Amino acid sequence: MAKIEIYVQDFCPYCARAKALLDRKGVAYEEIYAPNGSAARADAVKRSGGRTTVPQIFIDGQAVGGSDDLAALDRAGKLDPLLAA
């Protein structure tokens, strides 16, 4: 099973939507609390190639983007193969 990491912050509807999609897929993920100005947020920005918003989602260390990107992968049928890796 793939290692999934998701950087989130409080009161983020996009974070909730991304986590709900992963929950529906039945996969485990590591949730990393990353509010603005935190070291975790700086790590997310660095790992994602400069994206400053949350959520930032990584599957097996590869940046896949945010909530909309995750949903687009799912609609295109490309998410399940990444999750099964």
C-alpha atoms as a PDB file:
ATOM      1  CA  MET A   1       0.000   0.000   0.000  1.00  0.00           C
ATOM      2  CA  ALA A   2       1.195   3.502  -0.822  1.00  0.00           C
ATOM      3  CA  LYS A   3       2.399   5.917   1.849  1.00  0.00           C
ATOM      4  CA  ILE A   4       0.099   8.939   1.821  1.00  0.00           C
ATOM      5  CA  GLU A   5       0.855  12.224   3.570  1.00  0.00           C
ATOM      6  CA  ILE A   6      -1.512  15.181   3.676  1.00  0.00           C
ATOM      7  CA  TYR A   7      -0.578  18.589   5.052  1.00  0.00           C
ATOM      8  CA  VAL A   8      -3.621  20.316   6.579  1.00  0.00           C
ATOM      9  CA  GLN A   9      -4.734  23.190   8.773  1.00  0.00           C
ATOM     10  CA  ASP A  10      -7.821  23.892  10.892  1.00  0.00           C
ATOM     11  CA  PHE A  11     -11.078  25.037   9.283  1.00  0.00           C
ATOM     12  CA  CYS A  12      -9.960  24.084   5.774  1.00  0.00           C
ATOM     13  CA  PRO A  13     -12.849  22.794   3.643  1.00  0.00           C
ATOM     14  CA  TYR A  14     -10.445  21.609   0.929  1.00  0.00           C
ATOM     15  CA  CYS A  15      -8.526  19.579   3.501  1.00  0.00           C
ATOM     16  CA  ALA A  16     -11.783  18.012   4.690  1.00  0.00           C
ATOM     17  CA  ARG A  17     -12.782  17.189   1.110  1.00  0.00           C
ATOM     18  CA  ALA A  18      -9.426  15.559   0.328  1.00  0.00           C
ATOM     19  CA  LYS A  19      -9.509  13.509   3.538  1.00  0.00           C
ATOM     20  CA  ALA A  20     -13.099  12.427   2.813  1.00  0.00           C
ATOM     21  CA  LEU A  21     -12.052  11.152  -0.616  1.00  0.00           C
ATOM     22  CA  LEU A  22      -9.157   9.199   0.876  1.00  0.00           C
ATOM     23  CA  ASP A  23     -11.479   7.855   3.593  1.00  0.00           C
ATOM     24  CA  ARG A  24     -13.948   6.676   0.921  1.00  0.00           C
ATOM     25  CA  LYS A  25     -11.057   4.882  -0.771  1.00  0.00           C
ATOM     26  CA  GLY A  26     -10.348   3.135   2.532  1.00  0.00           C
ATOM     27  CA  VAL A  27      -6.683   4.097   2.630  1.00  0.00           C
ATOM     28  CA  ALA A  28      -4.635   5.141   5.617  1.00  0.00           C
ATOM     29  CA  TYR A  29      -2.823   8.471   5.515  1.00  0.00           C
ATOM     30  CA  GLU A  30      -0.603  10.549   7.742  1.00  0.00           C
ATOM     31  CA  GLU A  31      -2.150  13.906   8.548  1.00  0.00           C
ATOM     32  CA  ILE A  32       0.431  16.621   9.160  1.00  0.00           C
ATOM     33  CA  TYR A  33      -0.820  19.781  10.848  1.00  0.00           C
ATOM     34  CA  ALA A  34       0.692  22.699   8.911  1.00  0.00           C
ATOM     35  CA  PRO A  35      -0.755  26.120   9.783  1.00  0.00           C
ATOM     36  CA  ASN A  36       0.663  29.256   8.151  1.00  0.00           C
ATOM     37  CA  GLY A  37       4.101  30.137   9.457  1.00  0.00           C
ATOM     38  CA  SER A  38       4.860  26.674  10.830  1.00  0.00           C
ATOM     39  CA  ALA A  39       7.889  24.527  10.051  1.00  0.00           C
ATOM     40  CA  ALA A  40       5.522  21.876   8.696  1.00  0.00           C
ATOM     41  CA  ARG A  41       4.040  24.401   6.243  1.00  0.00           C
ATOM     42  CA  ALA A  42       7.526  25.393   5.098  1.00  0.00           C
ATOM     43  CA  ASP A  43       8.277  21.705   4.553  1.00  0.00           C
ATOM     44  CA  ALA A  44       5.088  21.296   2.500  1.00  0.00           C
ATOM     45  CA  VAL A  45       5.980  24.313   0.346  1.00  0.00           C
ATOM     46  CA  LYS A  46       9.485  22.972  -0.262  1.00  0.00           C
ATOM     47  CA  ARG A  47       8.332  19.433  -1.038  1.00  0.00           C
ATOM     48  CA  SER A  48       5.532  20.600  -3.360  1.00  0.00           C
ATOM     49  CA  GLY A  49       7.754  22.809  -5.476  1.00  0.00           C
ATOM     50  CA  GLY A  50       6.461  26.090  -4.083  1.00  0.00           C
ATOM     51  CA  ARG A  51       2.746  25.525  -3.587  1.00  0.00           C
ATOM     52  CA  THR A  52       1.683  27.510  -0.534  1.00  0.00           C
ATOM     53  CA  THR A  53      -1.878  26.279   0.007  1.00  0.00           C
ATOM     54  CA  VAL A  54      -3.225  23.317   1.925  1.00  0.00           C
ATOM     55  CA  PRO A  55      -3.908  20.556   1.561  1.00  0.00           C
ATOM     56  CA  GLN A  56      -0.740  19.338  -0.057  1.00  0.00           C
ATOM     57  CA  ILE A  57      -0.905  15.639  -0.747  1.00  0.00           C
ATOM     58  CA  PHE A  58       2.007  13.274  -1.317  1.00  0.00           C
ATOM     59  CA  ILE A  59       1.736   9.659  -2.417  1.00  0.00           C
ATOM     60  CA  ASP A  60       4.940   7.678  -1.954  1.00  0.00           C
ATOM     61  CA  GLY A  61       6.823  10.955  -1.689  1.00  0.00           C
ATOM     62  CA  GLN A  62       5.460  12.330  -4.972  1.00  0.00           C
ATOM     63  CA  ALA A  63       3.539  15.604  -4.820  1.00  0.00           C
ATOM     64  CA  VAL A  64       0.089  15.150  -6.351  1.00  0.00           C
ATOM     65  CA  GLY A  65      -1.223  18.612  -5.450  1.00  0.00           C
ATOM     66  CA  GLY A  66      -4.270  19.662  -3.509  1.00  0.00           C
ATOM     67  CA  SER A  67      -7.876  18.604  -3.139  1.00  0.00           C
ATOM     68  CA  ASP A  68      -8.906  19.485  -6.697  1.00  0.00           C
ATOM     69  CA  ASP A  69      -5.875  17.673  -8.102  1.00  0.00           C
ATOM     70  CA  LEU A  70      -6.677  14.573  -6.047  1.00  0.00           C
ATOM     71  CA  ALA A  71     -10.289  14.610  -7.245  1.00  0.00           C
ATOM     72  CA  ALA A  72      -9.145  15.039 -10.865  1.00  0.00           C
ATOM     73  CA  LEU A  73      -6.852  12.021 -10.540  1.00  0.00           C
ATOM     74  CA  ASP A  74      -9.786  10.026  -9.201  1.00  0.00           C
ATOM     75  CA  ARG A  75     -12.113  11.098 -12.027  1.00  0.00           C
ATOM     76  CA  ALA A  76      -9.453  10.183 -14.590  1.00  0.00           C
ATOM     77  CA  GLY A  77      -9.055   6.713 -13.069  1.00  0.00           C
ATOM     78  CA  LYS A  78      -5.442   7.428 -12.110  1.00  0.00           C
ATOM     79  CA  LEU A  79      -5.779   7.602  -8.325  1.00  0.00           C
ATOM     80  CA  ASP A  80      -6.479   3.945  -7.531  1.00  0.00           C
ATOM     81  CA  PRO A  81      -3.273   2.711  -9.222  1.00  0.00           C
ATOM     82  CA  LEU A  82      -1.245   5.257  -7.222  1.00  0.00           C
ATOM     83  CA  LEU A  83      -2.890   4.162  -3.985  1.00  0.00           C
ATOM     84  CA  ALA A  84      -2.289   0.476  -4.687  1.00  0.00           C
ATOM     85  CA  ALA A  85       1.422   0.914  -5.390  1.00  0.00           C
END
